[in-house]
Amino acid sequence: MSTEHSHDPQKPHTQAPQQPCGSIIDAQGREVPITEQMIQQACQALEQSRKSVTAGVGA
C-alpha cells in the first residue's frame, strides 16, 4: 500500500488566496474591502504628515 496518496491533515496541499480581513463603509453606504494598497497609501500619507510636523517643530 502506497502512502503517496494518503491525506495528511497536517499538510495543506494548496494555500487559498488571502481574503480581505476588514471593510470600510463608503459615503454611499457600500461595504468596501480594505486592500493592501489602501493600507500602503495610508501609511505613506501618515509618514509624510509626520515628516511635515517634525520639520515644522525645528523651524
Foldseek 3Di string as FASTA:
>chain_A
DDCPPPDDPVDDPDDDPDDQPAWDQDPVRDTGGDDPVNVVVVVVVVVVVVVVVVVVVVD
